[in-house]
Protein backbone atom coordinates (compact mmCIF):
# COMPACT_ATOMS: atom_id res chain seq x y z
CA UNK A 1 62.04 -102.83 -5.64
CA UNK A 2 61.78 -103.21 -1.86
CA UNK A 3 62.90 -101.09 1.02
CA UNK A 4 66.25 -102.91 1.26
CA UNK A 5 67.24 -102.11 -2.32
CA UNK A 6 70.54 -100.10 -2.24
CA UNK A 7 70.03 -96.77 -3.98
CA UNK A 8 73.28 -95.00 -3.04
CA UNK A 9 75.61 -93.82 -5.74
CA UNK A 10 79.24 -94.97 -5.95
CA UNK A 11 80.47 -91.70 -4.41
CA UNK A 12 77.98 -91.96 -1.56
CA UNK A 13 78.98 -95.56 -0.89
CA UNK A 14 82.65 -94.58 -0.69
CA UNK A 15 81.85 -91.72 1.70
CA UNK A 16 79.76 -94.06 3.81
CA UNK A 17 82.53 -96.67 4.00
CA UNK A 18 85.04 -94.02 5.04
CA UNK A 19 82.69 -92.84 7.75
CA UNK A 20 82.07 -96.35 9.08
CA UNK A 21 85.78 -97.13 9.18
CA UNK A 22 86.46 -94.23 11.53
CA UNK A 23 86.82 -95.31 15.18
CA UNK A 24 83.81 -94.38 17.28
CA UNK A 25 84.33 -93.48 20.92
CA UNK A 26 81.53 -94.10 23.38
CA UNK A 27 83.16 -92.05 26.13
CA UNK A 28 81.55 -88.75 27.08
CA UNK A 29 83.45 -85.73 25.88
CA UNK A 30 84.62 -83.42 28.70
CA UNK A 31 82.79 -80.09 28.91
CA UNK A 32 84.65 -76.89 29.75
CA UNK A 33 82.37 -74.79 31.95
CA UNK A 34 84.69 -71.81 31.64
CA UNK A 35 84.13 -71.54 27.89
CA UNK A 36 80.97 -71.10 25.83
CA UNK A 37 79.36 -74.03 27.67
CA UNK A 38 78.57 -71.73 30.57
CA UNK A 39 76.55 -69.40 28.33
CA UNK A 40 74.65 -72.36 26.90
CA UNK A 41 73.77 -73.69 30.32
CA UNK A 42 72.28 -70.34 31.22
CA UNK A 43 69.61 -70.70 28.53
CA UNK A 44 68.81 -74.38 29.20
CA UNK A 45 65.89 -73.53 31.57
CA UNK A 46 64.52 -71.03 29.03
CA UNK A 47 64.68 -73.36 26.07
CA UNK A 48 63.48 -76.37 28.07
CA UNK A 49 60.14 -74.66 28.75
CA UNK A 50 59.79 -73.80 25.07
CA UNK A 51 60.72 -77.31 23.97
CA UNK A 52 57.75 -78.62 25.94
CA UNK A 53 55.50 -76.68 23.57
CA UNK A 54 57.52 -77.85 20.58
CA UNK A 55 57.22 -81.48 21.73
CA UNK A 56 53.43 -81.40 21.54
CA UNK A 57 53.63 -80.12 17.95
CA UNK A 58 56.12 -82.86 17.00
CA UNK A 59 53.88 -85.53 18.50
CA UNK A 60 50.94 -84.31 16.43
CA UNK A 61 52.92 -84.15 13.19
CA UNK A 62 54.41 -87.63 13.61
CA UNK A 63 51.11 -89.17 14.73
CA UNK A 64 49.42 -87.83 11.60
CA UNK A 65 52.25 -89.12 9.42
CA UNK A 66 52.23 -92.69 10.72
CA UNK A 67 48.47 -92.58 11.47
CA UNK A 68 48.62 -94.09 14.94
CA UNK A 69 48.90 -92.97 18.56
CA UNK A 70 52.34 -92.52 20.07
CA UNK A 71 53.92 -92.66 23.50
CA UNK A 72 56.51 -89.86 23.74
CA UNK A 73 59.75 -90.29 25.70
CA UNK A 74 61.36 -86.88 26.03
CA UNK A 75 64.86 -86.22 27.36
CA UNK A 76 65.83 -82.88 28.92
CA UNK A 77 68.18 -80.73 26.83
CA UNK A 78 71.86 -81.01 27.67
CA UNK A 79 75.12 -79.30 26.74
CA UNK A 80 77.68 -81.52 24.99
CA UNK A 81 80.93 -81.03 23.12
CA UNK A 82 81.24 -80.94 19.31
CA UNK A 83 82.86 -84.37 19.06
CA UNK A 84 80.02 -86.00 21.00
CA UNK A 85 77.42 -84.14 18.92
CA UNK A 86 79.04 -85.21 15.64
CA UNK A 87 79.26 -88.83 16.80
CA UNK A 88 75.58 -88.81 17.77
CA UNK A 89 74.48 -87.42 14.41
CA UNK A 90 76.58 -89.94 12.47
CA UNK A 91 74.39 -92.70 13.88
CA UNK A 92 71.18 -91.15 12.49
CA UNK A 93 69.52 -92.27 9.27
CA UNK A 94 68.96 -88.72 8.03
CA UNK A 95 70.22 -85.32 9.16
CA UNK A 96 69.34 -81.87 7.84
CA UNK A 97 70.98 -78.52 8.51
CA UNK A 98 69.06 -75.57 10.00
CA UNK A 99 69.97 -72.14 8.62
CA UNK A 100 68.78 -68.56 9.13
CA UNK A 101 69.57 -65.52 6.96
CA UNK A 102 71.01 -63.69 9.99
CA UNK A 103 72.96 -66.42 11.82
CA UNK A 104 73.75 -68.91 9.02
CA UNK A 105 74.06 -72.51 10.22
CA UNK A 106 72.36 -72.72 13.63
CA UNK A 107 71.77 -76.43 14.16
CA UNK A 108 70.70 -79.84 12.91
CA UNK A 109 67.64 -82.09 13.05
CA UNK A 110 68.09 -85.83 12.62
CA UNK A 111 65.81 -88.86 12.49
CA UNK A 112 66.77 -92.15 14.10
CA UNK A 113 66.72 -95.34 12.08
CA UNK A 114 63.52 -97.10 13.13
CA UNK A 115 61.27 -94.02 12.94
CA UNK A 116 62.77 -92.85 9.64
CA UNK A 117 62.01 -96.11 7.83
CA UNK A 118 58.54 -96.31 9.38
CA UNK A 119 57.76 -92.77 8.18
CA UNK A 120 58.98 -93.66 4.68
CA UNK A 121 56.79 -96.77 4.56
CA UNK A 122 53.73 -94.80 5.70
CA UNK A 123 54.38 -92.09 3.12
CA UNK A 124 54.43 -94.75 0.39
CA UNK A 125 51.05 -96.10 1.55
CA UNK A 126 51.99 -98.94 3.89
CA UNK A 127 49.00 -100.39 5.73
CA UNK A 128 48.30 -99.50 9.34
CA UNK A 129 48.47 -103.13 10.44
CA UNK A 130 52.18 -103.15 9.59
CA UNK A 131 54.89 -101.67 11.74
CA UNK A 132 56.97 -102.44 14.84
CA UNK A 133 54.01 -102.04 17.21
CA UNK A 134 51.53 -104.28 15.34
CA UNK A 135 53.40 -106.70 13.09
CA UNK A 136 55.88 -109.17 14.59
CA UNK A 137 57.29 -109.81 11.11
CA UNK A 138 58.07 -106.13 10.52
CA UNK A 139 61.82 -105.58 10.48
CA UNK A 140 64.15 -102.63 10.27
CA UNK A 141 66.24 -102.56 7.06
CA UNK A 142 69.89 -103.51 7.49
CA UNK A 143 71.26 -100.33 5.90
CA UNK A 144 71.87 -97.38 8.19
CA UNK A 145 70.89 -94.40 6.01
CA UNK A 146 68.08 -93.41 3.70
CA UNK A 147 68.40 -93.16 -0.05
CA UNK A 148 67.98 -89.86 -1.92
CA UNK A 149 64.37 -90.74 -2.77
CA UNK A 150 63.59 -91.61 0.85
CA UNK A 151 65.24 -88.44 2.14
CA UNK A 152 63.16 -86.29 -0.20
CA UNK A 153 60.07 -88.09 1.07
CA UNK A 154 60.79 -86.89 4.62
CA UNK A 155 61.72 -83.31 3.66
CA UNK A 156 58.12 -81.94 3.91
CA UNK A 157 57.72 -83.42 7.39
CA UNK A 158 61.05 -81.99 8.57
CA UNK A 159 60.13 -78.64 7.06
CA UNK A 160 56.95 -78.65 9.15
CA UNK A 161 59.04 -79.38 12.22
CA UNK A 162 61.24 -76.37 11.51
CA UNK A 163 58.16 -74.14 11.22
CA UNK A 164 56.99 -75.32 14.64
CA UNK A 165 60.51 -74.93 16.04
CA UNK A 166 60.63 -71.33 14.91
CA UNK A 167 57.19 -70.40 16.22
CA UNK A 168 57.42 -72.20 19.57
CA UNK A 169 61.12 -71.98 20.50
CA UNK A 170 62.68 -69.13 18.51
CA UNK A 171 59.73 -66.79 18.12
CA UNK A 172 62.14 -63.83 18.40
CA UNK A 173 63.52 -64.64 14.95
CA UNK A 174 62.11 -62.41 12.24
CA UNK A 175 63.01 -64.80 9.39
CA UNK A 176 61.91 -68.41 8.97
CA UNK A 177 64.27 -71.31 9.57
CA UNK A 178 65.70 -72.73 6.34
CA UNK A 179 66.14 -76.46 5.73
CA UNK A 180 69.18 -77.72 3.82
CA UNK A 181 69.68 -81.45 3.23
CA UNK A 182 73.04 -83.15 3.68
CA UNK A 183 74.06 -85.45 0.78
CA UNK A 184 73.62 -89.13 1.54
CA UNK A 185 76.63 -90.86 3.05
CA UNK A 186 78.24 -87.61 4.22
CA UNK A 187 78.44 -86.91 7.95
CA UNK A 188 77.24 -83.56 9.31
CA UNK A 189 80.03 -81.09 10.04
CA UNK A 190 80.09 -78.53 12.82
CA UNK A 191 81.85 -75.19 12.33
CA UNK A 192 85.42 -75.41 13.69
CA UNK A 193 84.89 -72.53 16.16
CA UNK A 194 82.02 -74.32 17.96
CA UNK A 195 83.10 -75.31 21.49
CA UNK A 196 79.81 -76.77 22.66
CA UNK A 197 76.29 -77.56 21.48
CA UNK A 198 72.89 -78.12 23.02
CA UNK A 199 71.21 -81.45 22.26
CA UNK A 200 67.60 -82.54 22.78
CA UNK A 201 66.12 -85.95 22.03
CA UNK A 202 62.46 -86.89 21.58
CA UNK A 203 61.75 -90.58 21.16
CA UNK A 204 58.57 -92.60 20.75
CA UNK A 205 57.69 -96.08 21.94
CA UNK A 206 57.53 -98.18 18.75
CA UNK A 207 56.93 -101.83 19.56
CA UNK A 208 59.79 -103.06 21.73
CA UNK A 209 62.14 -100.24 20.71
CA UNK A 210 62.37 -96.46 21.05
CA UNK A 211 63.14 -94.16 18.15
CA UNK A 212 62.66 -90.50 17.33
CA UNK A 213 64.32 -87.18 16.58
CA UNK A 214 67.53 -85.50 17.70
CA UNK A 215 67.85 -81.70 17.75
CA UNK A 216 71.32 -80.14 17.93
CA UNK A 217 71.55 -76.35 18.35
CA UNK A 218 74.66 -74.19 18.00
CA UNK A 219 75.56 -71.31 20.34
CA UNK A 220 74.99 -68.59 17.72
CA UNK A 221 71.21 -68.96 17.74
CA UNK A 222 71.04 -69.59 21.48
CA UNK A 223 72.73 -66.23 22.05
CA UNK A 224 69.51 -64.75 20.67
CA UNK A 225 67.66 -66.09 23.70
CA UNK A 226 70.21 -64.55 26.06
CA UNK A 227 70.02 -61.18 24.31
CA UNK A 228 66.24 -61.14 24.22
CA UNK A 229 66.06 -62.23 27.84
CA UNK A 230 68.26 -59.28 28.85
CA UNK A 231 66.15 -56.84 26.87
CA UNK A 232 62.97 -58.10 28.44
CA UNK A 233 64.56 -57.86 31.89
CA UNK A 234 64.68 -54.08 31.48
CA UNK A 235 60.91 -54.00 31.17
CA UNK A 236 60.36 -56.51 33.98
CA UNK A 237 59.36 -53.90 36.63
CA UNK A 238 56.75 -52.47 34.25
CA UNK A 239 55.39 -55.92 33.46
CA UNK A 240 55.23 -56.81 37.15
CA UNK A 241 53.48 -53.52 37.98
CA UNK A 242 50.91 -54.17 35.24
CA UNK A 243 50.30 -57.65 36.57
CA UNK A 244 49.97 -56.49 40.18
CA UNK A 245 47.65 -53.66 39.17
CA UNK A 246 44.99 -56.23 38.31
CA UNK A 247 45.28 -57.97 41.68
CA UNK A 248 42.21 -57.60 43.92
CA UNK A 249 42.83 -56.56 47.56
CA UNK A 250 40.54 -56.34 50.61
CA UNK A 251 39.76 -52.81 51.80
CA UNK A 252 38.15 -52.26 55.21
CA UNK A 253 37.43 -49.35 57.54
CA UNK A 254 36.42 -49.11 61.21
CA UNK A 255 34.17 -46.28 62.36
CA UNK A 256 35.42 -46.63 65.95
CA UNK A 257 35.51 -48.80 69.04
CA UNK A 258 33.61 -49.17 72.28
CA UNK A 259 34.43 -50.96 75.53
CA UNK A 260 31.54 -52.63 77.34
CA UNK A 261 31.37 -54.85 80.35
CA UNK A 262 30.19 -58.37 79.73
CA UNK A 263 27.02 -57.61 81.71
CA UNK A 264 26.22 -54.55 79.54
CA UNK A 265 26.91 -56.56 76.39
CA UNK A 266 24.55 -59.35 77.44
CA UNK A 267 21.82 -56.80 78.29
CA UNK A 268 21.84 -55.15 74.84
CA UNK A 269 18.41 -55.09 73.18
CA UNK A 270 16.94 -53.83 69.92
CA UNK A 271 16.99 -50.02 69.83
CA UNK A 272 19.93 -49.60 72.24
CA UNK A 273 22.69 -47.22 71.13
CA UNK A 274 26.39 -48.06 71.49
CA UNK A 275 28.55 -44.96 71.67
CA UNK A 276 31.86 -45.23 69.79
CA UNK A 277 35.11 -43.47 70.75
CA UNK A 278 35.09 -41.16 67.69
CA UNK A 279 32.99 -38.22 66.62
CA UNK A 280 31.56 -37.60 63.15
CA UNK A 281 34.43 -35.21 62.38
CA UNK A 282 37.22 -37.66 63.28
CA UNK A 283 39.13 -39.35 60.47
CA UNK A 284 38.64 -43.10 60.01
CA UNK A 285 41.55 -45.42 59.14
CA UNK A 286 41.25 -47.27 55.85
CA UNK A 287 43.07 -50.63 55.87
CA UNK A 288 44.43 -52.55 52.87
CA UNK A 289 44.75 -56.25 53.69
CA UNK A 290 44.52 -55.36 57.43
CA UNK A 291 47.32 -52.77 57.16
CA UNK A 292 46.44 -49.06 57.77
CA UNK A 293 47.22 -47.08 54.60
CA UNK A 294 44.87 -44.04 54.57
CA UNK A 295 42.55 -41.88 56.68
CA UNK A 296 39.28 -40.31 55.62
CA UNK A 297 35.82 -39.09 56.61
CA UNK A 298 32.80 -41.43 56.59
CA UNK A 299 30.16 -40.23 54.11
CA UNK A 300 27.16 -41.56 52.22
CA UNK A 301 27.40 -42.03 48.45
CA UNK A 302 24.67 -43.49 46.25
CA UNK A 303 22.90 -45.05 49.21
CA UNK A 304 25.97 -46.72 50.69
CA UNK A 305 28.61 -45.85 53.28
CA UNK A 306 31.89 -44.59 51.83
CA UNK A 307 35.20 -43.07 52.92
CA UNK A 308 36.35 -39.69 51.62
CA UNK A 309 40.17 -40.08 51.66
CA UNK A 310 41.96 -37.16 53.31
CA UNK A 311 45.40 -38.52 54.30
CA UNK A 312 47.88 -41.19 53.16
CA UNK A 313 49.92 -42.98 55.81
CA UNK A 314 53.62 -43.69 55.34
């Protein structure tokens, strides 16, 4: 048996033929900014920062699986319509559903063709000197999707990705993300009420081609980010005050001033006394970053000069 041996059942082959016979449109689907797309676009900056942390975890997991260094090619997350998302996932070799106990189906993770077959070969013990980056004779199988055996081989790796996705992107979730496989030959289906999705692609340089993962998230789990962001906004003044409280500022005080002629200044010698314009009972201004904020009396404390604060300036 080799990697090109067809292992699909009769039912899976029929479903695959029906899927391939459907016309595929390459035109971008229009996005309605007045609908749920607007809410999704609000969380794009939030989730983009978190996906940067998730990307590093994905790179490590994949590098360990194929046992070689990788060059990542990340794309920023974008909002697309359901038809475009479904068409993108139909072109993947394997797609799994992401579920949570609270939100149900929340998204999909798919593997593109070249990377999926390379991961399968490595999991079955293929040598490191084989692969698209090192072996000119290495070729991608002609079939588009993985068999049941090959899909089960990649399930542990995808499960690890979901664990990292939960901890680095959706840390607000109390329950773990649940992986559910889609039967071979069947296309992924979005809920009919979904008006838009968020898609993120992470590819790797493999020889002369690029291949990687596709993450599709539904609005129901992204609403969690909006809700949590609003809750945290209520505590933002407290968090800012705590942060500013640890900031170090320059405090200075002037005991007084004196006006001398240039001749008197040049004639000053050791032991001369310069009389200031304030007495010992006058209050001294205390400045914070060169701005007067308080007044107090000069005193000595533990062998050093100090200011005993008596007034606060408005």
